[in-house]
Amino acid sequence: MGMKTIPTLLTASLAALTTLLVSCDSKQEQARERSIENKADALEEQAKATKKEGEQHADAIEDAKKVNDLNADATRKEAEAKAEALKREAEATREQK
């Protein structure tokens, strides 16, 4: 073997060893990456569910507010009608003098 062959063989052996080690680490790394990706996916799904739940709750509050506003309007109208009836009764009472 010549002097040029030994560094070439060492380089080739080192490259083969590195490839072997990387492929072993690669399986572990892939499993770790899958685990991280699955966790991130689960967090994203949880975020979507939380947002949807919040939107539904907000919609329910808005719907209740609309109902309350309608009830408030009806109560005002009823009070105005009663007040008008009482005013008419007061006028009729005064006319009895």
Protein backbone atom coordinates (compact mmCIF):
# COMPACT_ATOMS: atom_id res chain seq x y z
CA MET A 1 0.00 0.00 0.00
CA GLY A 2 1.14 3.43 -0.84
CA MET A 3 1.09 6.44 1.44
CA LYS A 4 -1.82 7.89 -0.45
CA THR A 5 -3.91 4.75 0.05
CA ILE A 6 -3.82 4.78 3.86
CA PRO A 7 -5.44 8.23 4.25
CA THR A 8 -7.97 7.29 1.60
CA LEU A 9 -8.81 4.07 3.45
CA LEU A 10 -8.99 5.92 6.76
CA THR A 11 -11.27 8.52 5.25
CA ALA A 12 -13.49 5.85 3.70
CA SER A 13 -13.59 3.88 6.96
CA LEU A 14 -14.41 7.00 8.93
CA ALA A 15 -17.16 7.87 6.46
CA ALA A 16 -18.63 4.37 6.72
CA LEU A 17 -18.48 4.49 10.53
CA THR A 18 -20.09 7.94 10.57
CA THR A 19 -22.87 6.72 8.26
CA LEU A 20 -23.44 3.74 10.52
CA LEU A 21 -23.61 5.91 13.65
CA VAL A 22 -25.81 8.47 11.96
CA SER A 23 -28.24 5.78 10.84
CA CYS A 24 -28.50 4.51 14.45
CA ASP A 25 -29.01 8.01 15.76
CA SER A 26 -31.31 8.63 12.87
CA LYS A 27 -33.89 6.11 14.14
CA GLN A 28 -33.74 7.60 17.63
CA GLU A 29 -33.87 11.10 16.19
CA GLN A 30 -36.83 10.19 14.00
CA ALA A 31 -38.67 8.76 17.02
CA ARG A 32 -37.90 11.92 19.01
CA GLU A 33 -39.07 14.12 16.14
CA ARG A 34 -42.27 12.07 15.77
CA SER A 35 -42.89 12.43 19.49
CA ILE A 36 -42.37 16.19 19.33
CA GLU A 37 -44.57 16.46 16.23
CA ASN A 38 -47.34 14.42 17.91
CA LYS A 39 -47.17 16.66 20.99
CA ALA A 40 -47.33 19.78 18.82
CA ASP A 41 -50.29 18.33 16.89
CA ALA A 42 -52.10 17.56 20.15
CA LEU A 43 -51.48 21.10 21.39
CA GLU A 44 -52.81 22.54 18.13
CA GLU A 45 -55.95 20.39 18.42
CA GLN A 46 -56.37 21.54 22.02
CA ALA A 47 -56.00 25.15 20.86
CA LYS A 48 -58.67 24.64 18.18
CA ALA A 49 -61.03 23.03 20.69
CA THR A 50 -60.42 25.81 23.22
CA LYS A 51 -61.10 28.48 20.60
CA LYS A 52 -64.26 26.72 19.42
CA GLU A 53 -65.51 26.37 23.01
CA GLY A 54 -64.76 30.04 23.68
CA GLU A 55 -66.59 31.11 20.53
CA GLN A 56 -69.61 29.00 21.48
CA HIS A 57 -69.61 30.49 24.97
CA ALA A 58 -69.33 34.01 23.56
CA ASP A 59 -72.18 33.29 21.14
CA ALA A 60 -74.31 32.03 24.04
CA ILE A 61 -73.58 35.21 26.00
CA GLU A 62 -74.49 37.34 22.98
CA ASP A 63 -77.70 35.34 22.47
CA ALA A 64 -78.58 35.73 26.15
CA LYS A 65 -77.87 39.45 25.88
CA LYS A 66 -80.25 39.69 22.92
CA VAL A 67 -82.92 37.88 24.91
CA ASN A 68 -82.24 40.14 27.89
CA ASP A 69 -82.41 43.20 25.65
CA LEU A 70 -85.74 41.99 24.27
CA ASN A 71 -86.99 41.33 27.80
CA ALA A 72 -85.81 44.77 28.89
CA ASP A 73 -87.58 46.38 25.94
CA ALA A 74 -90.76 44.47 26.71
CA THR A 75 -90.52 45.47 30.37
CA ARG A 76 -90.08 49.14 29.40
CA LYS A 77 -93.05 48.99 27.03
CA GLU A 78 -95.17 47.31 29.70
CA ALA A 79 -94.15 49.92 32.28
CA GLU A 80 -94.90 52.74 29.84
CA ALA A 81 -98.33 51.26 29.10
CA LYS A 82 -99.10 50.94 32.83
CA ALA A 83 -97.86 54.49 33.44
CA GLU A 84 -100.08 55.81 30.64
CA ALA A 85 -103.06 53.92 32.06
CA LEU A 86 -102.38 55.41 35.50
CA LYS A 87 -102.09 58.91 34.01
CA ARG A 88 -105.44 58.44 32.25
CA GLU A 89 -106.95 57.22 35.52
CA ALA A 90 -105.51 60.26 37.31
CA GLU A 91 -107.02 62.58 34.68
CA ALA A 92 -110.38 60.82 34.98
CA THR A 93 -110.22 61.14 38.74
CA ARG A 94 -109.51 64.89 38.47
CA GLU A 95 -112.40 65.32 36.05
CA GLN A 96 -114.77 63.99 38.73
CA LYS A 97 -114.44 67.25 40.71
